[in-house]
C-alpha atoms as a PDB file:
ATOM      1  CA  MET A   1      46.633   7.536 -64.359  1.00  0.00           C
ATOM      2  CA  PRO A   2      43.850  10.147 -64.745  1.00  0.00           C
ATOM      3  CA  LYS A   3      40.424   8.722 -64.013  1.00  0.00           C
ATOM      4  CA  SER A   4      37.498   9.162 -66.372  1.00  0.00           C
ATOM      5  CA  ILE A   5      35.180  11.967 -65.253  1.00  0.00           C
ATOM      6  CA  ARG A   6      31.578  11.826 -66.424  1.00  0.00           C
ATOM      7  CA  THR A   7      30.226  14.514 -68.728  1.00  0.00           C
ATOM      8  CA  TYR A   8      26.938  14.896 -70.588  1.00  0.00           C
ATOM      9  CA  SER A   9      28.489  17.149 -73.210  1.00  0.00           C
ATOM     10  CA  THR A  10      29.921  15.772 -76.449  1.00  0.00           C
ATOM     11  CA  ASN A  11      31.808  19.010 -77.177  1.00  0.00           C
ATOM     12  CA  GLY A  12      35.351  18.263 -76.038  1.00  0.00           C
ATOM     13  CA  GLU A  13      36.563  21.857 -76.280  1.00  0.00           C
ATOM     14  CA  LEU A  14      33.588  23.142 -74.304  1.00  0.00           C
ATOM     15  CA  VAL A  15      34.122  20.517 -71.605  1.00  0.00           C
ATOM     16  CA  LYS A  16      37.774  21.547 -71.329  1.00  0.00           C
ATOM     17  CA  GLU A  17      36.836  25.228 -71.127  1.00  0.00           C
ATOM     18  CA  ARG A  18      34.091  24.707 -68.523  1.00  0.00           C
ATOM     19  CA  ARG A  19      36.213  22.421 -66.367  1.00  0.00           C
ATOM     20  CA  SER A  20      39.022  24.961 -66.408  1.00  0.00           C
ATOM     21  CA  LEU A  21      36.582  27.596 -65.113  1.00  0.00           C
ATOM     22  CA  ILE A  22      35.181  25.222 -62.484  1.00  0.00           C
ATOM     23  CA  VAL A  23      38.661  24.338 -61.198  1.00  0.00           C
ATOM     24  CA  LYS A  24      39.712  27.996 -61.088  1.00  0.00           C
ATOM     25  CA  GLN A  25      36.658  29.092 -59.111  1.00  0.00           C
ATOM     26  CA  ALA A  26      36.702  25.998 -56.912  1.00  0.00           C
ATOM     27  CA  LEU A  27      40.275  26.645 -55.826  1.00  0.00           C
ATOM     28  CA  LYS A  28      39.352  30.182 -54.758  1.00  0.00           C
ATOM     29  CA  LEU A  29      36.380  28.964 -52.720  1.00  0.00           C
ATOM     30  CA  PHE A  30      38.220  25.993 -51.231  1.00  0.00           C
ATOM     31  CA  LEU A  31      41.034  28.281 -50.057  1.00  0.00           C
ATOM     32  CA  GLN A  32      38.546  30.734 -48.554  1.00  0.00           C
ATOM     33  CA  LYS A  33      36.084  28.328 -46.938  1.00  0.00           C
ATOM     34  CA  GLY A  34      37.648  24.885 -47.045  1.00  0.00           C
ATOM     35  CA  TYR A  35      36.588  21.947 -49.179  1.00  0.00           C
ATOM     36  CA  ASP A  36      33.966  20.577 -46.780  1.00  0.00           C
ATOM     37  CA  ARG A  37      32.226  23.925 -46.244  1.00  0.00           C
ATOM     38  CA  THR A  38      32.020  24.839 -49.940  1.00  0.00           C
ATOM     39  CA  THR A  39      28.727  23.814 -51.546  1.00  0.00           C
ATOM     40  CA  ILE A  40      28.066  22.944 -55.169  1.00  0.00           C
ATOM     41  CA  ARG A  41      25.463  25.735 -55.212  1.00  0.00           C
ATOM     42  CA  GLU A  42      28.115  28.293 -54.226  1.00  0.00           C
ATOM     43  CA  LEU A  43      30.536  26.920 -56.780  1.00  0.00           C
ATOM     44  CA  ALA A  44      27.947  26.975 -59.568  1.00  0.00           C
ATOM     45  CA  LYS A  45      27.036  30.580 -58.727  1.00  0.00           C
ATOM     46  CA  SER A  46      30.699  31.657 -58.792  1.00  0.00           C
ATOM     47  CA  CYS A  47      30.991  30.074 -62.257  1.00  0.00           C
ATOM     48  CA  GLY A  48      27.850  31.808 -63.524  1.00  0.00           C
ATOM     49  CA  MET A  49      26.096  28.443 -63.928  1.00  0.00           C
ATOM     50  CA  THR A  50      23.160  26.610 -62.448  1.00  0.00           C
ATOM     51  CA  GLU A  51      23.880  23.458 -60.450  1.00  0.00           C
ATOM     52  CA  GLY A  52      22.413  21.418 -63.281  1.00  0.00           C
ATOM     53  CA  ALA A  53      24.676  23.078 -65.829  1.00  0.00           C
ATOM     54  CA  LEU A  54      27.733  22.474 -63.648  1.00  0.00           C
ATOM     55  CA  TYR A  55      26.880  18.775 -63.382  1.00  0.00           C
ATOM     56  CA  ARG A  56      27.016  18.537 -67.189  1.00  0.00           C
ATOM     57  CA  TYR A  57      30.811  18.722 -66.915  1.00  0.00           C
ATOM     58  CA  ILE A  58      31.585  16.875 -63.666  1.00  0.00           C
ATOM     59  CA  GLY A  59      30.004  13.954 -61.882  1.00  0.00           C
ATOM     60  CA  SER A  60      30.653  15.004 -58.298  1.00  0.00           C
ATOM     61  CA  LYS A  61      32.419  17.455 -56.030  1.00  0.00           C
ATOM     62  CA  ASP A  62      35.199  14.897 -55.599  1.00  0.00           C
ATOM     63  CA  ASP A  63      35.862  15.065 -59.350  1.00  0.00           C
ATOM     64  CA  ILE A  64      37.025  18.656 -58.849  1.00  0.00           C
ATOM     65  CA  LEU A  65      39.773  17.441 -56.515  1.00  0.00           C
ATOM     66  CA  HIS A  66      40.980  15.076 -59.219  1.00  0.00           C
ATOM     67  CA  LEU A  67      40.977  17.871 -61.802  1.00  0.00           C
ATOM     68  CA  LEU A  68      42.957  20.061 -59.404  1.00  0.00           C
ATOM     69  CA  LEU A  69      45.483  17.268 -59.030  1.00  0.00           C
ATOM     70  CA  LEU A  70      46.085  17.249 -62.781  1.00  0.00           C
ATOM     71  CA  ASP A  71      47.119  20.925 -62.533  1.00  0.00           C
ATOM     72  CA  THR A  72      50.060  20.132 -60.250  1.00  0.00           C
ATOM     73  CA  THR A  73      52.521  18.575 -62.672  1.00  0.00           C
ATOM     74  CA  VAL A  74      55.805  19.890 -63.988  1.00  0.00           C
ATOM     75  CA  ALA A  75      56.168  17.419 -66.833  1.00  0.00           C
ATOM     76  CA  PHE A  76      57.206  20.372 -68.986  1.00  0.00           C
ATOM     77  CA  ILE A  77      60.650  20.170 -67.338  1.00  0.00           C
ATOM     78  CA  GLU A  78      61.193  16.862 -69.137  1.00  0.00           C
ATOM     79  CA  ASP A  79      60.057  18.505 -72.382  1.00  0.00           C
ATOM     80  CA  PHE A  80      62.466  21.359 -71.726  1.00  0.00           C
ATOM     81  CA  LEU A  81      65.368  18.954 -71.238  1.00  0.00           C
ATOM     82  CA  LYS A  82      64.612  17.238 -74.531  1.00  0.00           C
ATOM     83  CA  GLY A  83      65.048  20.550 -76.298  1.00  0.00           C
ATOM     84  CA  LEU A  84      68.312  21.493 -74.651  1.00  0.00           C
ATOM     85  CA  GLY A  85      70.433  20.078 -77.439  1.00  0.00           C
ATOM     86  CA  GLU A  86      74.114  20.488 -76.640  1.00  0.00           C
ATOM     87  CA  ILE A  87      73.678  22.632 -73.514  1.00  0.00           C
ATOM     88  CA  ASN A  88      76.027  21.507 -70.730  1.00  0.00           C
ATOM     89  CA  THR A  89      74.701  19.806 -67.612  1.00  0.00           C
ATOM     90  CA  VAL A  90      75.622  22.701 -65.304  1.00  0.00           C
ATOM     91  CA  ASP A  91      73.510  25.167 -67.266  1.00  0.00           C
ATOM     92  CA  ALA A  92      70.768  22.565 -67.709  1.00  0.00           C
ATOM     93  CA  LEU A  93      70.501  22.180 -63.927  1.00  0.00           C
ATOM     94  CA  LYS A  94      70.421  25.945 -63.415  1.00  0.00           C
ATOM     95  CA  ASP A  95      67.718  26.368 -66.046  1.00  0.00           C
ATOM     96  CA  CYS A  96      65.627  23.529 -64.604  1.00  0.00           C
ATOM     97  CA  ILE A  97      65.842  24.990 -61.101  1.00  0.00           C
ATOM     98  CA  LYS A  98      64.540  28.275 -62.496  1.00  0.00           C
ATOM     99  CA  ILE A  99      61.677  26.560 -64.332  1.00  0.00           C
ATOM    100  CA  TYR A 100      60.711  24.512 -61.283  1.00  0.00           C
ATOM    101  CA  TYR A 101      60.838  27.431 -58.825  1.00  0.00           C
ATOM    102  CA  THR A 102      58.824  29.612 -61.200  1.00  0.00           C
ATOM    103  CA  TRP A 103      56.242  26.846 -61.400  1.00  0.00           C
ATOM    104  CA  CYS A 104      56.195  26.587 -57.591  1.00  0.00           C
ATOM    105  CA  ASN A 105      55.388  30.290 -57.476  1.00  0.00           C
ATOM    106  CA  ASP A 106      52.648  30.019 -60.098  1.00  0.00           C
ATOM    107  CA  ALA A 107      51.125  26.903 -58.513  1.00  0.00           C
ATOM    108  CA  ALA A 108      51.438  28.140 -54.923  1.00  0.00           C
ATOM    109  CA  ASP A 109      47.689  28.301 -54.252  1.00  0.00           C
ATOM    110  CA  ASN A 110      47.241  24.747 -55.521  1.00  0.00           C
ATOM    111  CA  ASN A 111      50.032  23.464 -53.290  1.00  0.00           C
ATOM    112  CA  ILE A 112      48.735  25.308 -50.236  1.00  0.00           C
ATOM    113  CA  PHE A 113      45.329  23.768 -50.882  1.00  0.00           C
ATOM    114  CA  TYR A 114      46.821  20.282 -51.208  1.00  0.00           C
ATOM    115  CA  ASN A 115      48.726  20.601 -47.964  1.00  0.00           C
ATOM    116  CA  ARG A 116      45.560  21.614 -46.153  1.00  0.00           C
ATOM    117  CA  GLU A 117      42.993  19.344 -47.797  1.00  0.00           C
ATOM    118  CA  ILE A 118      44.925  16.199 -48.743  1.00  0.00           C
ATOM    119  CA  ILE A 119      42.766  14.147 -46.356  1.00  0.00           C
ATOM    120  CA  ASN A 120      39.754  14.724 -48.620  1.00  0.00           C
ATOM    121  CA  PHE A 121      41.401  13.160 -51.667  1.00  0.00           C
ATOM    122  CA  SER A 122      40.834   9.582 -52.716  1.00  0.00           C
ATOM    123  CA  VAL A 123      43.552   7.090 -51.828  1.00  0.00           C
ATOM    124  CA  ALA A 124      44.523   6.884 -55.505  1.00  0.00           C
ATOM    125  CA  ASP A 125      44.824  10.675 -55.834  1.00  0.00           C
ATOM    126  CA  ARG A 126      46.865  10.916 -52.643  1.00  0.00           C
ATOM    127  CA  ARG A 127      49.263   8.334 -54.039  1.00  0.00           C
ATOM    128  CA  THR A 128      49.465  10.280 -57.306  1.00  0.00           C
ATOM    129  CA  ARG A 129      50.283  13.452 -55.382  1.00  0.00           C
ATOM    130  CA  LEU A 130      53.036  11.773 -53.387  1.00  0.00           C
ATOM    131  CA  LYS A 131      54.426  10.140 -56.520  1.00  0.00           C
ATOM    132  CA  SER A 132      54.574  13.486 -58.325  1.00  0.00           C
ATOM    133  CA  GLN A 133      56.699  14.927 -55.512  1.00  0.00           C
ATOM    134  CA  ALA A 134      59.004  11.909 -55.667  1.00  0.00           C
ATOM    135  CA  ASP A 135      59.205  12.309 -59.453  1.00  0.00           C
ATOM    136  CA  TYR A 136      60.483  15.899 -59.107  1.00  0.00           C
ATOM    137  CA  ILE A 137      63.233  14.694 -56.774  1.00  0.00           C
ATOM    138  CA  GLN A 138      64.189  11.829 -59.081  1.00  0.00           C
ATOM    139  CA  PHE A 139      64.323  14.205 -62.040  1.00  0.00           C
ATOM    140  CA  PHE A 140      66.882  16.468 -60.333  1.00  0.00           C
ATOM    141  CA  GLU A 141      68.756  13.489 -58.920  1.00  0.00           C
ATOM    142  CA  LYS A 142      69.161  12.089 -62.445  1.00  0.00           C
ATOM    143  CA  LEU A 143      70.458  15.410 -63.740  1.00  0.00           C
ATOM    144  CA  ILE A 144      72.923  15.745 -60.860  1.00  0.00           C
ATOM    145  CA  LYS A 145      74.196  12.198 -61.389  1.00  0.00           C
ATOM    146  CA  LYS A 146      74.741  13.038 -65.046  1.00  0.00           C
ATOM    147  CA  GLY A 147      76.897  15.988 -63.975  1.00  0.00           C
ATOM    148  CA  VAL A 148      78.858  13.706 -61.640  1.00  0.00           C
ATOM    149  CA  SER A 149      79.515  11.207 -64.437  1.00  0.00           C
ATOM    150  CA  GLU A 150      80.725  14.056 -66.667  1.00  0.00           C
ATOM    151  CA  GLY A 151      83.107  15.363 -64.005  1.00  0.00           C
ATOM    152  CA  ALA A 152      81.263  18.647 -63.449  1.00  0.00           C
ATOM    153  CA  PHE A 153      79.803  17.843 -60.018  1.00  0.00           C
ATOM    154  CA  LYS A 154      81.137  16.243 -56.875  1.00  0.00           C
ATOM    155  CA  VAL A 155      78.244  15.068 -54.707  1.00  0.00           C
ATOM    156  CA  LYS A 156      78.165  12.560 -51.859  1.00  0.00           C
ATOM    157  CA  SER A 157      74.379  12.212 -51.946  1.00  0.00           C
ATOM    158  CA  PRO A 158      72.692  13.309 -55.204  1.00  0.00           C
ATOM    159  CA  ILE A 159      69.254  12.395 -53.872  1.00  0.00           C
ATOM    160  CA  LEU A 160      69.680  14.659 -50.833  1.00  0.00           C
ATOM    161  CA  VAL A 161      70.770  17.605 -52.988  1.00  0.00           C
ATOM    162  CA  ALA A 162      67.818  16.921 -55.310  1.00  0.00           C
ATOM    163  CA  HIS A 163      65.466  16.745 -52.330  1.00  0.00           C
ATOM    164  CA  ASN A 164      66.741  20.085 -51.030  1.00  0.00           C
ATOM    165  CA  ILE A 165      66.269  21.729 -54.439  1.00  0.00           C
ATOM    166  CA  VAL A 166      62.663  20.549 -54.614  1.00  0.00           C
ATOM    167  CA  MET A 167      61.831  21.474 -51.026  1.00  0.00           C
ATOM    168  CA  GLN A 168      63.314  24.987 -51.319  1.00  0.00           C
ATOM    169  CA  GLY A 169      61.116  25.592 -54.353  1.00  0.00           C
ATOM    170  CA  PHE A 170      58.087  24.198 -52.546  1.00  0.00           C
ATOM    171  CA  ASP A 171      58.920  26.330 -49.510  1.00  0.00           C
ATOM    172  CA  TRP A 172      58.809  29.504 -51.618  1.00  0.00           C
ATOM    173  CA  GLY A 173      55.246  28.661 -52.620  1.00  0.00           C
ATOM    174  CA  LEU A 174      54.146  27.984 -49.045  1.00  0.00           C
ATOM    175  CA  ARG A 175      56.014  30.861 -47.377  1.00  0.00           C
ATOM    176  CA  ARG A 176      55.967  33.642 -49.957  1.00  0.00           C
ATOM    177  CA  TRP A 177      54.247  35.868 -47.396  1.00  0.00           C
ATOM    178  CA  PHE A 178      57.493  35.827 -45.390  1.00  0.00           C
ATOM    179  CA  LEU A 179      60.182  35.416 -48.046  1.00  0.00           C
ATOM    180  CA  ARG A 180      58.892  38.296 -50.182  1.00  0.00           C
ATOM    181  CA  SER A 181      59.899  40.652 -47.371  1.00  0.00           C
ATOM    182  CA  PHE A 182      63.510  39.854 -48.248  1.00  0.00           C
ATOM    183  CA  PHE A 183      63.635  38.578 -51.842  1.00  0.00           C
ATOM    184  CA  THR A 184      61.961  38.866 -55.200  1.00  0.00           C
ATOM    185  CA  LEU A 185      61.330  35.520 -56.871  1.00  0.00           C
ATOM    186  CA  ASP A 186      64.220  36.126 -59.287  1.00  0.00           C
ATOM    187  CA  LYS A 187      66.587  36.962 -56.428  1.00  0.00           C
ATOM    188  CA  TYR A 188      65.482  33.897 -54.478  1.00  0.00           C
ATOM    189  CA  ILE A 189      66.096  31.663 -57.507  1.00  0.00           C
ATOM    190  CA  LYS A 190      69.502  33.234 -58.122  1.00  0.00           C
ATOM    191  CA  LEU A 191      70.657  32.828 -54.507  1.00  0.00           C
ATOM    192  CA  GLN A 192      69.338  29.285 -54.121  1.00  0.00           C
ATOM    193  CA  THR A 193      71.010  28.303 -57.389  1.00  0.00           C
ATOM    194  CA  GLU A 194      74.292  29.827 -56.226  1.00  0.00           C
ATOM    195  CA  ILE A 195      74.063  27.839 -52.989  1.00  0.00           C
ATOM    196  CA  VAL A 196      73.498  24.579 -54.861  1.00  0.00           C
ATOM    197  CA  MET A 197      76.273  25.243 -57.353  1.00  0.00           C
ATOM    198  CA  GLY A 198      78.667  26.325 -54.623  1.00  0.00           C
ATOM    199  CA  ILE A 199      78.180  22.941 -52.981  1.00  0.00           C
ATOM    200  CA  ILE A 200      78.300  20.610 -55.974  1.00  0.00           C
ATOM    201  CA  LEU A 201      80.592  22.213 -58.583  1.00  0.00           C
ATOM    202  CA  ILE A 202      84.034  20.638 -58.543  1.00  0.00           C
ATOM    203  CA  ASN A 203      85.739  23.933 -59.328  1.00  0.00           C
ATOM    204  CA  PRO A 204      83.323  26.893 -59.006  1.00  0.00           C
ATOM    205  CA  SER A 205      86.044  29.449 -59.709  1.00  0.00           C
ATOM    206  CA  THR A 206      86.793  28.088 -63.189  1.00  0.00           C
ATOM    207  CA  LYS A 207      83.340  26.804 -64.183  1.00  0.00           C
ATOM    208  CA  GLN A 208      81.660  30.182 -64.536  1.00  0.00           C
ATOM    209  CA  LEU A 209      78.838  29.454 -66.954  1.00  0.00           C
ATOM    210  CA  ARG A 210      75.612  31.309 -67.697  1.00  0.00           C
ATOM    211  CA  SER A 211      74.038  32.968 -64.663  1.00  0.00           C
ATOM    212  CA  ASN A 212      70.323  33.071 -63.865  1.00  0.00           C
ATOM    213  CA  LYS A 213      69.441  36.717 -64.336  1.00  0.00           C
END
């Protein structure tokens, strides 16, 4: 559950706007210098604020870590599923893989930062981070099990397939510097999806549904 972060401003929209700027600039500095070596003075300067002005929107440097944590969610996948209507489970899984991998690409800097600086987070925020990763796996596991119950998939271990889907997306974010020498993001998504479907579809030759182009 998100903790309450102190602010001296009563303008909710302004607080949201300023915190977004603070988080954006903080991530850049944290990646360059590390969390411990980045000072509030440097952060305020990068935001075009004084230290006093910056402290109107956050209570401490640790608050920035919590705000960064809130940026690493893919709850929109659940929202996407709700709007699928009558789409079949095979295509739903393919679409959700694409959404998740695209998010992994967009959130790559955040995830790199978390891997490197997780020790600086509060115990509660570390637990939230670990839970979010488990939630992604459970989401895909649930979708795969649905496909099994419908007779579209044949899977011995849905949780392992779900884990592999999540980790391959996460790996793109961490190792883009290497993978981009061989694949575009779209190509990577297409090939990884083909690998997953080749393993779990009961009859790949006759279940040719929409492709991820």
